[in-house]
mmCIF file of all heavy atoms, coordinates in Angstrom:
data_MODEL
# 
_entry.id   MODEL 
# 
loop_
_atom_site.group_PDB 
_atom_site.id 
_atom_site.type_symbol 
_atom_site.label_atom_id 
_atom_site.label_alt_id 
_atom_site.label_comp_id 
_atom_site.label_asym_id 
_atom_site.label_entity_id 
_atom_site.label_seq_id 
_atom_site.pdbx_PDB_ins_code 
_atom_site.Cartn_x 
_atom_site.Cartn_y 
_atom_site.Cartn_z 
_atom_site.occupancy 
_atom_site.B_iso_or_equiv 
_atom_site.pdbx_formal_charge 
_atom_site.auth_seq_id 
_atom_site.auth_comp_id 
_atom_site.auth_asym_id 
_atom_site.auth_atom_id 
_atom_site.pdbx_PDB_model_num 
ATOM 1   N N   . ALA A 1 1  ? 62.172 97.246  112.367 1.00 0.00 ? 1  ALA A N   1 
ATOM 2   C CA  . ALA A 1 1  ? 63.486 97.634  112.944 1.00 0.00 ? 1  ALA A CA  1 
ATOM 3   C C   . ALA A 1 1  ? 63.313 98.142  114.393 1.00 0.00 ? 1  ALA A C   1 
ATOM 4   O O   . ALA A 1 1  ? 64.132 97.880  115.222 1.00 0.00 ? 1  ALA A O   1 
ATOM 5   C CB  . ALA A 1 1  ? 64.169 98.698  112.044 1.00 0.00 ? 1  ALA A CB  1 
ATOM 6   N N   . ILE A 1 2  ? 62.209 98.867  114.622 1.00 0.00 ? 2  ILE A N   1 
ATOM 7   C CA  . ILE A 1 2  ? 61.967 99.363  116.004 1.00 0.00 ? 2  ILE A CA  1 
ATOM 8   C C   . ILE A 1 2  ? 61.176 98.379  116.913 1.00 0.00 ? 2  ILE A C   1 
ATOM 9   O O   . ILE A 1 2  ? 60.843 98.659  118.049 1.00 0.00 ? 2  ILE A O   1 
ATOM 10  C CB  . ILE A 1 2  ? 61.228 100.697 115.998 1.00 0.00 ? 2  ILE A CB  1 
ATOM 11  C CG1 . ILE A 1 2  ? 59.834 100.588 115.431 1.00 0.00 ? 2  ILE A CG1 1 
ATOM 12  C CG2 . ILE A 1 2  ? 62.087 101.723 115.220 1.00 0.00 ? 2  ILE A CG2 1 
ATOM 13  C CD1 . ILE A 1 2  ? 59.088 101.923 115.390 1.00 0.00 ? 2  ILE A CD1 1 
ATOM 14  N N   . GLY A 1 3  ? 60.870 97.219  116.313 1.00 0.00 ? 3  GLY A N   1 
ATOM 15  C CA  . GLY A 1 3  ? 60.264 96.134  117.095 1.00 0.00 ? 3  GLY A CA  1 
ATOM 16  C C   . GLY A 1 3  ? 58.749 96.176  117.139 1.00 0.00 ? 3  GLY A C   1 
ATOM 17  O O   . GLY A 1 3  ? 58.153 95.536  118.084 1.00 0.00 ? 3  GLY A O   1 
ATOM 18  N N   . SER A 1 4  ? 58.064 96.967  116.247 1.00 0.00 ? 4  SER A N   1 
ATOM 19  C CA  . SER A 1 4  ? 56.623 97.032  116.354 1.00 0.00 ? 4  SER A CA  1 
ATOM 20  C C   . SER A 1 4  ? 55.899 96.101  115.428 1.00 0.00 ? 4  SER A C   1 
ATOM 21  O O   . SER A 1 4  ? 54.700 96.169  115.208 1.00 0.00 ? 4  SER A O   1 
ATOM 22  C CB  . SER A 1 4  ? 56.123 98.476  116.057 1.00 0.00 ? 4  SER A CB  1 
ATOM 23  O OG  . SER A 1 4  ? 56.491 98.859  114.758 1.00 0.00 ? 4  SER A OG  1 
ATOM 24  N N   . GLY A 1 5  ? 56.629 95.211  114.747 1.00 0.00 ? 5  GLY A N   1 
ATOM 25  C CA  . GLY A 1 5  ? 56.027 94.111  113.975 1.00 0.00 ? 5  GLY A CA  1 
ATOM 26  C C   . GLY A 1 5  ? 55.872 94.324  112.496 1.00 0.00 ? 5  GLY A C   1 
ATOM 27  O O   . GLY A 1 5  ? 55.892 93.412  111.731 1.00 0.00 ? 5  GLY A O   1 
ATOM 28  N N   . GLY A 1 6  ? 55.711 95.593  112.045 1.00 0.00 ? 6  GLY A N   1 
ATOM 29  C CA  . GLY A 1 6  ? 55.661 95.847  110.607 1.00 0.00 ? 6  GLY A CA  1 
ATOM 30  C C   . GLY A 1 6  ? 54.324 95.677  109.993 1.00 0.00 ? 6  GLY A C   1 
ATOM 31  O O   . GLY A 1 6  ? 54.161 95.733  108.781 1.00 0.00 ? 6  GLY A O   1 
ATOM 32  N N   . GLY A 1 7  ? 53.242 95.435  110.827 1.00 0.00 ? 7  GLY A N   1 
ATOM 33  C CA  . GLY A 1 7  ? 51.992 95.257  110.244 1.00 0.00 ? 7  GLY A CA  1 
ATOM 34  C C   . GLY A 1 7  ? 51.673 93.823  109.875 1.00 0.00 ? 7  GLY A C   1 
ATOM 35  O O   . GLY A 1 7  ? 52.485 92.930  110.072 1.00 0.00 ? 7  GLY A O   1 
ATOM 36  N N   . GLY A 1 8  ? 50.512 93.564  109.275 1.00 0.00 ? 8  GLY A N   1 
ATOM 37  C CA  . GLY A 1 8  ? 50.101 92.203  108.936 1.00 0.00 ? 8  GLY A CA  1 
ATOM 38  C C   . GLY A 1 8  ? 50.782 91.685  107.743 1.00 0.00 ? 8  GLY A C   1 
ATOM 39  O O   . GLY A 1 8  ? 51.495 92.387  107.027 1.00 0.00 ? 8  GLY A O   1 
ATOM 40  N N   . SER A 1 9  ? 50.543 90.374  107.473 1.00 0.00 ? 9  SER A N   1 
ATOM 41  C CA  . SER A 1 9  ? 51.147 89.771  106.308 1.00 0.00 ? 9  SER A CA  1 
ATOM 42  C C   . SER A 1 9  ? 50.348 90.193  105.040 1.00 0.00 ? 9  SER A C   1 
ATOM 43  O O   . SER A 1 9  ? 49.325 90.785  105.115 1.00 0.00 ? 9  SER A O   1 
ATOM 44  C CB  . SER A 1 9  ? 51.073 88.226  106.488 1.00 0.00 ? 9  SER A CB  1 
ATOM 45  O OG  . SER A 1 9  ? 49.668 87.772  106.417 1.00 0.00 ? 9  SER A OG  1 
ATOM 46  N N   . SER A 1 10 ? 50.942 89.813  103.916 1.00 0.00 ? 10 SER A N   1 
ATOM 47  C CA  . SER A 1 10 ? 50.257 90.086  102.615 1.00 0.00 ? 10 SER A CA  1 
ATOM 48  C C   . SER A 1 10 ? 48.936 89.392  102.548 1.00 0.00 ? 10 SER A C   1 
ATOM 49  O O   . SER A 1 10 ? 47.969 89.925  102.000 1.00 0.00 ? 10 SER A O   1 
ATOM 50  C CB  . SER A 1 10 ? 51.157 89.704  101.419 1.00 0.00 ? 10 SER A CB  1 
ATOM 51  O OG  . SER A 1 10 ? 51.396 88.266  101.537 1.00 0.00 ? 10 SER A OG  1 
ATOM 52  N N   . ASN A 1 11 ? 48.805 88.236  103.174 1.00 0.00 ? 11 ASN A N   1 
ATOM 53  C CA  . ASN A 1 11 ? 47.458 87.516  103.156 1.00 0.00 ? 11 ASN A CA  1 
ATOM 54  C C   . ASN A 1 11 ? 46.451 88.324  103.965 1.00 0.00 ? 11 ASN A C   1 
ATOM 55  O O   . ASN A 1 11 ? 45.348 88.481  103.515 1.00 0.00 ? 11 ASN A O   1 
ATOM 56  C CB  . ASN A 1 11 ? 47.667 86.110  103.811 1.00 0.00 ? 11 ASN A CB  1 
ATOM 57  C CG  . ASN A 1 11 ? 48.500 85.195  102.988 1.00 0.00 ? 11 ASN A CG  1 
ATOM 58  O OD1 . ASN A 1 11 ? 48.615 85.375  101.796 1.00 0.00 ? 11 ASN A OD1 1 
ATOM 59  N ND2 . ASN A 1 11 ? 49.085 84.202  103.606 1.00 0.00 ? 11 ASN A ND2 1 
ATOM 60  N N   . GLN A 1 12 ? 46.921 88.797  105.154 1.00 0.00 ? 12 GLN A N   1 
ATOM 61  C CA  . GLN A 1 12 ? 45.891 89.525  105.968 1.00 0.00 ? 12 GLN A CA  1 
ATOM 62  C C   . GLN A 1 12 ? 45.455 90.821  105.276 1.00 0.00 ? 12 GLN A C   1 
ATOM 63  O O   . GLN A 1 12 ? 44.324 91.165  105.294 1.00 0.00 ? 12 GLN A O   1 
ATOM 64  C CB  . GLN A 1 12 ? 46.577 89.888  107.315 1.00 0.00 ? 12 GLN A CB  1 
ATOM 65  C CG  . GLN A 1 12 ? 45.691 90.669  108.248 1.00 0.00 ? 12 GLN A CG  1 
ATOM 66  C CD  . GLN A 1 12 ? 46.392 90.994  109.546 1.00 0.00 ? 12 GLN A CD  1 
ATOM 67  O OE1 . GLN A 1 12 ? 47.356 90.464  109.900 1.00 0.00 ? 12 GLN A OE1 1 
ATOM 68  N NE2 . GLN A 1 12 ? 45.799 91.963  110.292 1.00 0.00 ? 12 GLN A NE2 1 
ATOM 69  N N   . THR A 1 13 ? 46.466 91.509  104.652 1.00 0.00 ? 13 THR A N   1 
ATOM 70  C CA  . THR A 1 13 ? 46.146 92.730  103.960 1.00 0.00 ? 13 THR A CA  1 
ATOM 71  C C   . THR A 1 13 ? 45.178 92.467  102.814 1.00 0.00 ? 13 THR A C   1 
ATOM 72  O O   . THR A 1 13 ? 44.182 93.201  102.624 1.00 0.00 ? 13 THR A O   1 
ATOM 73  C CB  . THR A 1 13 ? 47.444 93.362  103.366 1.00 0.00 ? 13 THR A CB  1 
ATOM 74  O OG1 . THR A 1 13 ? 48.329 93.651  104.467 1.00 0.00 ? 13 THR A OG1 1 
ATOM 75  C CG2 . THR A 1 13 ? 47.076 94.665  102.662 1.00 0.00 ? 13 THR A CG2 1 
ATOM 76  N N   . GLN A 1 14 ? 45.377 91.429  102.049 1.00 0.00 ? 14 GLN A N   1 
ATOM 77  C CA  . GLN A 1 14 ? 44.552 91.088  100.933 1.00 0.00 ? 14 GLN A CA  1 
ATOM 78  C C   . GLN A 1 14 ? 43.130 90.671  101.371 1.00 0.00 ? 14 GLN A C   1 
ATOM 79  O O   . GLN A 1 14 ? 42.138 91.063  100.813 1.00 0.00 ? 14 GLN A O   1 
ATOM 80  C CB  . GLN A 1 14 ? 45.172 89.963  100.103 1.00 0.00 ? 14 GLN A CB  1 
ATOM 81  C CG  . GLN A 1 14 ? 44.426 89.625  98.832  1.00 0.00 ? 14 GLN A CG  1 
ATOM 82  C CD  . GLN A 1 14 ? 44.658 90.693  97.762  1.00 0.00 ? 14 GLN A CD  1 
ATOM 83  O OE1 . GLN A 1 14 ? 44.120 91.799  97.833  1.00 0.00 ? 14 GLN A OE1 1 
ATOM 84  N NE2 . GLN A 1 14 ? 45.446 90.354  96.750  1.00 0.00 ? 14 GLN A NE2 1 
ATOM 85  N N   . GLN A 1 15 ? 43.085 89.926  102.467 1.00 0.00 ? 15 GLN A N   1 
ATOM 86  C CA  . GLN A 1 15 ? 41.790 89.524  102.982 1.00 0.00 ? 15 GLN A CA  1 
ATOM 87  C C   . GLN A 1 15 ? 40.997 90.690  103.550 1.00 0.00 ? 15 GLN A C   1 
ATOM 88  O O   . GLN A 1 15 ? 39.749 90.730  103.393 1.00 0.00 ? 15 GLN A O   1 
ATOM 89  C CB  . GLN A 1 15 ? 41.962 88.379  104.029 1.00 0.00 ? 15 GLN A CB  1 
ATOM 90  C CG  . GLN A 1 15 ? 42.486 87.110  103.525 1.00 0.00 ? 15 GLN A CG  1 
ATOM 91  C CD  . GLN A 1 15 ? 42.932 86.068  104.526 1.00 0.00 ? 15 GLN A CD  1 
ATOM 92  O OE1 . GLN A 1 15 ? 42.771 86.377  105.743 1.00 0.00 ? 15 GLN A OE1 1 
ATOM 93  N NE2 . GLN A 1 15 ? 43.392 84.990  104.112 1.00 0.00 ? 15 GLN A NE2 1 
ATOM 94  N N   . GLU A 1 16 ? 41.652 91.615  104.244 1.00 0.00 ? 16 GLU A N   1 
ATOM 95  C CA  . GLU A 1 16 ? 40.944 92.790  104.684 1.00 0.00 ? 16 GLU A CA  1 
ATOM 96  C C   . GLU A 1 16 ? 40.396 93.681  103.558 1.00 0.00 ? 16 GLU A C   1 
ATOM 97  O O   . GLU A 1 16 ? 39.290 94.155  103.601 1.00 0.00 ? 16 GLU A O   1 
ATOM 98  C CB  . GLU A 1 16 ? 41.911 93.617  105.564 1.00 0.00 ? 16 GLU A CB  1 
ATOM 99  C CG  . GLU A 1 16 ? 42.218 92.969  106.900 1.00 0.00 ? 16 GLU A CG  1 
ATOM 100 C CD  . GLU A 1 16 ? 43.261 93.699  107.668 1.00 0.00 ? 16 GLU A CD  1 
ATOM 101 O OE1 . GLU A 1 16 ? 43.863 94.618  107.145 1.00 0.00 ? 16 GLU A OE1 1 
ATOM 102 O OE2 . GLU A 1 16 ? 43.507 93.328  108.869 1.00 0.00 ? 16 GLU A OE2 1 
ATOM 103 N N   . PHE A 1 17 ? 41.221 93.780  102.504 1.00 0.00 ? 17 PHE A N   1 
ATOM 104 C CA  . PHE A 1 17 ? 40.784 94.571  101.305 1.00 0.00 ? 17 PHE A CA  1 
ATOM 105 C C   . PHE A 1 17 ? 39.578 93.838  100.671 1.00 0.00 ? 17 PHE A C   1 
ATOM 106 O O   . PHE A 1 17 ? 38.593 94.516  100.308 1.00 0.00 ? 17 PHE A O   1 
ATOM 107 C CB  . PHE A 1 17 ? 41.955 94.679  100.345 1.00 0.00 ? 17 PHE A CB  1 
ATOM 108 C CG  . PHE A 1 17 ? 41.566 95.095  98.968  1.00 0.00 ? 17 PHE A CG  1 
ATOM 109 C CD1 . PHE A 1 17 ? 41.245 96.430  98.726  1.00 0.00 ? 17 PHE A CD1 1 
ATOM 110 C CD2 . PHE A 1 17 ? 41.483 94.174  97.905  1.00 0.00 ? 17 PHE A CD2 1 
ATOM 111 C CE1 . PHE A 1 17 ? 40.969 96.875  97.432  1.00 0.00 ? 17 PHE A CE1 1 
ATOM 112 C CE2 . PHE A 1 17 ? 41.132 94.628  96.646  1.00 0.00 ? 17 PHE A CE2 1 
ATOM 113 C CZ  . PHE A 1 17 ? 40.825 95.985  96.404  1.00 0.00 ? 17 PHE A CZ  1 
ATOM 114 N N   . THR A 1 18 ? 39.648 92.519  100.571 1.00 0.00 ? 18 THR A N   1 
ATOM 115 C CA  . THR A 1 18 ? 38.499 91.796  99.941  1.00 0.00 ? 18 THR A CA  1 
ATOM 116 C C   . THR A 1 18 ? 37.251 91.925  100.785 1.00 0.00 ? 18 THR A C   1 
ATOM 117 O O   . THR A 1 18 ? 36.168 92.127  100.243 1.00 0.00 ? 18 THR A O   1 
ATOM 118 C CB  . THR A 1 18 ? 38.934 90.353  99.777  1.00 0.00 ? 18 THR A CB  1 
ATOM 119 O OG1 . THR A 1 18 ? 40.138 90.229  99.062  1.00 0.00 ? 18 THR A OG1 1 
ATOM 120 C CG2 . THR A 1 18 ? 37.859 89.544  99.113  1.00 0.00 ? 18 THR A CG2 1 
ATOM 121 N N   . ALA A 1 19 ? 37.391 91.798  102.115 1.00 0.00 ? 19 ALA A N   1 
ATOM 122 C CA  . ALA A 1 19 ? 36.257 91.917  102.936 1.00 0.00 ? 19 ALA A CA  1 
ATOM 123 C C   . ALA A 1 19 ? 35.561 93.277  102.832 1.00 0.00 ? 19 ALA A C   1 
ATOM 124 O O   . ALA A 1 19 ? 34.360 93.401  102.785 1.00 0.00 ? 19 ALA A O   1 
ATOM 125 C CB  . ALA A 1 19 ? 36.663 91.699  104.429 1.00 0.00 ? 19 ALA A CB  1 
ATOM 126 N N   . LYS A 1 20 ? 36.303 94.364  102.683 1.00 0.00 ? 20 LYS A N   1 
ATOM 127 C CA  . LYS A 1 20 ? 35.769 95.717  102.523 1.00 0.00 ? 20 LYS A CA  1 
ATOM 128 C C   . LYS A 1 20 ? 34.995 95.822  101.227 1.00 0.00 ? 20 LYS A C   1 
ATOM 129 O O   . LYS A 1 20 ? 33.981 96.414  101.104 1.00 0.00 ? 20 LYS A O   1 
ATOM 130 C CB  . LYS A 1 20 ? 36.883 96.723  102.629 1.00 0.00 ? 20 LYS A CB  1 
ATOM 131 C CG  . LYS A 1 20 ? 37.437 96.922  104.075 1.00 0.00 ? 20 LYS A CG  1 
ATOM 132 C CD  . LYS A 1 20 ? 38.564 97.938  104.110 1.00 0.00 ? 20 LYS A CD  1 
ATOM 133 C CE  . LYS A 1 20 ? 39.117 98.023  105.500 1.00 0.00 ? 20 LYS A CE  1 
ATOM 134 N NZ  . LYS A 1 20 ? 40.288 99.035  105.489 1.00 0.00 ? 20 LYS A NZ  1 
ATOM 135 N N   . LEU A 1 21 ? 35.564 95.183  100.184 1.00 0.00 ? 21 LEU A N   1 
ATOM 136 C CA  . LEU A 1 21 ? 34.893 95.239  98.825  1.00 0.00 ? 21 LEU A CA  1 
ATOM 137 C C   . LEU A 1 21 ? 33.599 94.418  98.899  1.00 0.00 ? 21 LEU A C   1 
ATOM 138 O O   . LEU A 1 21 ? 32.583 94.929  98.353  1.00 0.00 ? 21 LEU A O   1 
ATOM 139 C CB  . LEU A 1 21 ? 35.837 94.620  97.754  1.00 0.00 ? 21 LEU A CB  1 
ATOM 140 C CG  . LEU A 1 21 ? 36.901 95.511  97.161  1.00 0.00 ? 21 LEU A CG  1 
ATOM 141 C CD1 . LEU A 1 21 ? 37.619 94.745  96.088  1.00 0.00 ? 21 LEU A CD1 1 
ATOM 142 C CD2 . LEU A 1 21 ? 36.294 96.803  96.614  1.00 0.00 ? 21 LEU A CD2 1 
ATOM 143 N N   . LEU A 1 22 ? 33.621 93.358  99.606  1.00 0.00 ? 22 LEU A N   1 
ATOM 144 C CA  . LEU A 1 22 ? 32.412 92.472  99.677  1.00 0.00 ? 22 LEU A CA  1 
ATOM 145 C C   . LEU A 1 22 ? 31.271 93.143  100.407 1.00 0.00 ? 22 LEU A C   1 
ATOM 146 O O   . LEU A 1 22 ? 30.104 92.832  100.161 1.00 0.00 ? 22 LEU A O   1 
ATOM 147 C CB  . LEU A 1 22 ? 32.761 91.121  100.341 1.00 0.00 ? 22 LEU A CB  1 
ATOM 148 C CG  . LEU A 1 22 ? 33.579 90.169  99.503  1.00 0.00 ? 22 LEU A CG  1 
ATOM 149 C CD1 . LEU A 1 22 ? 34.064 88.977  100.330 1.00 0.00 ? 22 LEU A CD1 1 
ATOM 150 C CD2 . LEU A 1 22 ? 32.797 89.738  98.233  1.00 0.00 ? 22 LEU A CD2 1 
ATOM 151 N N   . GLU A 1 23 ? 31.605 94.097  101.295 1.00 0.00 ? 23 GLU A N   1 
ATOM 152 C CA  . GLU A 1 23 ? 30.613 94.854  102.049 1.00 0.00 ? 23 GLU A CA  1 
ATOM 153 C C   . GLU A 1 23 ? 29.866 95.882  101.227 1.00 0.00 ? 23 GLU A C   1 
ATOM 154 O O   . GLU A 1 23 ? 28.781 96.374  101.579 1.00 0.00 ? 23 GLU A O   1 
ATOM 155 C CB  . GLU A 1 23 ? 31.256 95.517  103.253 1.00 0.00 ? 23 GLU A CB  1 
ATOM 156 C CG  . GLU A 1 23 ? 31.678 94.546  104.323 1.00 0.00 ? 23 GLU A CG  1 
ATOM 157 C CD  . GLU A 1 23 ? 32.507 95.271  105.394 1.00 0.00 ? 23 GLU A CD  1 
ATOM 158 O OE1 . GLU A 1 23 ? 32.697 96.492  105.294 1.00 0.00 ? 23 GLU A OE1 1 
ATOM 159 O OE2 . GLU A 1 23 ? 32.878 94.582  106.359 1.00 0.00 ? 23 GLU A OE2 1 
ATOM 160 N N   . LEU A 1 24 ? 30.435 96.202  100.027 1.00 0.00 ? 24 LEU A N   1 
ATOM 161 C CA  . LEU A 1 24 ? 29.869 97.236  99.195  1.00 0.00 ? 24 LEU A CA  1 
ATOM 162 C C   . LEU A 1 24 ? 28.695 96.620  98.316  1.00 0.00 ? 24 LEU A C   1 
ATOM 163 O O   . LEU A 1 24 ? 28.688 95.406  98.147  1.00 0.00 ? 24 LEU A O   1 
ATOM 164 C CB  . LEU A 1 24 ? 30.973 97.799  98.280  1.00 0.00 ? 24 LEU A CB  1 
ATOM 165 C CG  . LEU A 1 24 ? 32.072 98.576  98.979  1.00 0.00 ? 24 LEU A CG  1 
ATOM 166 C CD1 . LEU A 1 24 ? 33.130 98.972  97.946  1.00 0.00 ? 24 LEU A CD1 1 
ATOM 167 C CD2 . LEU A 1 24 ? 31.590 99.813  99.734  1.00 0.00 ? 24 LEU A CD2 1 
ATOM 168 N N   . PRO A 1 25 ? 27.857 97.432  97.788  1.00 0.00 ? 25 PRO A N   1 
ATOM 169 C CA  . PRO A 1 25 ? 26.879 96.987  96.779  1.00 0.00 ? 25 PRO A CA  1 
ATOM 170 C C   . PRO A 1 25 ? 27.571 96.268  95.629  1.00 0.00 ? 25 PRO A C   1 
ATOM 171 O O   . PRO A 1 25 ? 28.569 96.780  95.145  1.00 0.00 ? 25 PRO A O   1 
ATOM 172 C CB  . PRO A 1 25 ? 26.137 98.204  96.331  1.00 0.00 ? 25 PRO A CB  1 
ATOM 173 C CG  . PRO A 1 25 ? 26.290 99.152  97.485  1.00 0.00 ? 25 PRO A CG  1 
ATOM 174 C CD  . PRO A 1 25 ? 27.682 98.898  98.072  1.00 0.00 ? 25 PRO A CD  1 
ATOM 175 N N   . PHE A 1 26 ? 27.060 95.147  95.246  1.00 0.00 ? 26 PHE A N   1 
ATOM 176 C CA  . PHE A 1 26 ? 27.686 94.326  94.161  1.00 0.00 ? 26 PHE A CA  1 
ATOM 177 C C   . PHE A 1 26 ? 29.145 93.945  94.520  1.00 0.00 ? 26 PHE A C   1 
ATOM 178 O O   . PHE A 1 26 ? 29.958 93.829  93.720  1.00 0.00 ? 26 PHE A O   1 
ATOM 179 C CB  . PHE A 1 26 ? 27.683 95.090  92.843  1.00 0.00 ? 26 PHE A CB  1 
ATOM 180 C CG  . PHE A 1 26 ? 26.355 95.576  92.438  1.00 0.00 ? 26 PHE A CG  1 
ATOM 181 C CD1 . PHE A 1 26 ? 25.999 96.907  92.511  1.00 0.00 ? 26 PHE A CD1 1 
ATOM 182 C CD2 . PHE A 1 26 ? 25.367 94.689  91.913  1.00 0.00 ? 26 PHE A CD2 1 
ATOM 183 C CE1 . PHE A 1 26 ? 24.738 97.358  92.160  1.00 0.00 ? 26 PHE A CE1 1 
ATOM 184 C CE2 . PHE A 1 26 ? 24.128 95.200  91.521  1.00 0.00 ? 26 PHE A CE2 1 
ATOM 185 C CZ  . PHE A 1 26 ? 23.806 96.498  91.669  1.00 0.00 ? 26 PHE A CZ  1 
ATOM 186 N N   . GLY A 1 27 ? 29.347 93.724  95.844  1.00 0.00 ? 27 GLY A N   1 
ATOM 187 C CA  . GLY A 1 27 ? 30.671 93.429  96.328  1.00 0.00 ? 27 GLY A CA  1 
ATOM 188 C C   . GLY A 1 27 ? 31.367 92.245  95.641  1.00 0.00 ? 27 GLY A C   1 
ATOM 189 O O   . GLY A 1 27 ? 32.502 92.426  95.202  1.00 0.00 ? 27 GLY A O   1 
ATOM 190 N N   . PRO A 1 28 ? 30.720 91.126  95.510  1.00 0.00 ? 28 PRO A N   1 
ATOM 191 C CA  . PRO A 1 28 ? 31.364 89.986  94.815  1.00 0.00 ? 28 PRO A CA  1 
ATOM 192 C C   . PRO A 1 28 ? 31.832 90.312  93.423  1.00 0.00 ? 28 PRO A C   1 
ATOM 193 O O   . PRO A 1 28 ? 32.946 89.930  92.969  1.00 0.00 ? 28 PRO A O   1 
ATOM 194 C CB  . PRO A 1 28 ? 30.290 88.952  94.767  1.00 0.00 ? 28 PRO A CB  1 
ATOM 195 C CG  . PRO A 1 28 ? 29.432 89.161  96.007  1.00 0.00 ? 28 PRO A CG  1 
ATOM 196 C CD  . PRO A 1 28 ? 29.412 90.660  96.050  1.00 0.00 ? 28 PRO A CD  1 
ATOM 197 N N   . ALA A 1 29 ? 30.969 91.103  92.670  1.00 0.00 ? 29 ALA A N   1 
ATOM 198 C CA  . ALA A 1 29 ? 31.376 91.489  91.300  1.00 0.00 ? 29 ALA A CA  1 
ATOM 199 C C   . ALA A 1 29 ? 32.582 92.385  91.375  1.00 0.00 ? 29 ALA A C   1 
ATOM 200 O O   . ALA A 1 29 ? 33.497 92.301  90.489  1.00 0.00 ? 29 ALA A O   1 
ATOM 201 C CB  . ALA A 1 29 ? 30.202 92.168  90.613  1.00 0.00 ? 29 ALA A CB  1 
ATOM 202 N N   . LEU A 1 30 ? 32.646 93.305  92.312  1.00 0.00 ? 30 LEU A N   1 
ATOM 203 C CA  . LEU A 1 30 ? 33.830 94.180  92.456  1.00 0.00 ? 30 LEU A CA  1 
ATOM 204 C C   . LEU A 1 30 ? 35.120 93.417  92.758  1.00 0.00 ? 30 LEU A C   1 
ATOM 205 O O   . LEU A 1 30 ? 36.123 93.744  92.238  1.00 0.00 ? 30 LEU A O   1 
ATOM 206 C CB  . LEU A 1 30 ? 33.540 95.233  93.635  1.00 0.00 ? 30 LEU A CB  1 
ATOM 207 C CG  . LEU A 1 30 ? 32.393 96.225  93.358  1.00 0.00 ? 30 LEU A CG  1 
ATOM 208 C CD1 . LEU A 1 30 ? 32.222 97.118  94.588  1.00 0.00 ? 30 LEU A CD1 1 
ATOM 209 C CD2 . LEU A 1 30 ? 32.751 97.140  92.132  1.00 0.00 ? 30 LEU A CD2 1 
ATOM 210 N N   . VAL A 1 31 ? 34.991 92.377  93.579  1.00 0.00 ? 31 VAL A N   1 
ATOM 211 C CA  . VAL A 1 31 ? 36.193 91.560  93.886  1.00 0.00 ? 31 VAL A CA  1 
ATOM 212 C C   . VAL A 1 31 ? 36.596 90.881  92.685  1.00 0.00 ? 31 VAL A C   1 
ATOM 213 O O   . VAL A 1 31 ? 37.825 90.761  92.385  1.00 0.00 ? 31 VAL A O   1 
ATOM 214 C CB  . VAL A 1 31 ? 35.863 90.584  95.008  1.00 0.00 ? 31 VAL A CB  1 
ATOM 215 C CG1 . VAL A 1 31 ? 36.970 89.550  95.150  1.00 0.00 ? 31 VAL A CG1 1 
ATOM 216 C CG2 . VAL A 1 31 ? 35.527 91.236  96.299  1.00 0.00 ? 31 VAL A CG2 1 
ATOM 217 N N   . VAL A 1 32 ? 35.728 90.319  91.808  1.00 0.00 ? 32 VAL A N   1 
ATOM 218 C CA  . VAL A 1 32 ? 36.124 89.708  90.561  1.00 0.00 ? 32 VAL A CA  1 
ATOM 219 C C   . VAL A 1 32 ? 36.729 90.662  89.611  1.00 0.00 ? 32 VAL A C   1 
ATOM 220 O O   . VAL A 1 32 ? 37.745 90.358  88.936  1.00 0.00 ? 32 VAL A O   1 
ATOM 221 C CB  . VAL A 1 32 ? 34.835 89.000  89.866  1.00 0.00 ? 32 VAL A CB  1 
ATOM 222 C CG1 . VAL A 1 32 ? 35.201 88.435  88.514  1.00 0.00 ? 32 VAL A CG1 1 
ATOM 223 C CG2 . VAL A 1 32 ? 34.297 87.864  90.791  1.00 0.00 ? 32 VAL A CG2 1 
ATOM 224 N N   . ILE A 1 33 ? 36.211 91.862  89.559  1.00 0.00 ? 33 ILE A N   1 
ATOM 225 C CA  . ILE A 1 33 ? 36.816 92.945  88.719  1.00 0.00 ? 33 ILE A CA  1 
ATOM 226 C C   . ILE A 1 33 ? 38.210 93.239  89.238  1.00 0.00 ? 33 ILE A C   1 
ATOM 227 O O   . ILE A 1 33 ? 39.175 93.438  88.435  1.00 0.00 ? 33 ILE A O   1 
ATOM 228 C CB  . ILE A 1 33 ? 35.945 94.236  88.744  1.00 0.00 ? 33 ILE A CB  1 
ATOM 229 C CG1 . ILE A 1 33 ? 34.597 93.998  88.006  1.00 0.00 ? 33 ILE A CG1 1 
ATOM 230 C CG2 . ILE A 1 33 ? 36.691 95.399  88.148  1.00 0.00 ? 33 ILE A CG2 1 
ATOM 231 C CD1 . ILE A 1 33 ? 33.601 95.074  88.155  1.00 0.00 ? 33 ILE A CD1 1 
# 
């Protein structure tokens, strides 16, 4: 409403979340969980 965009799309948010999980120990397993 104030013209600042409202943040990223749901795809971007999900991909950022997934990337952070993958950086952790056993990251791929955490993503599958």
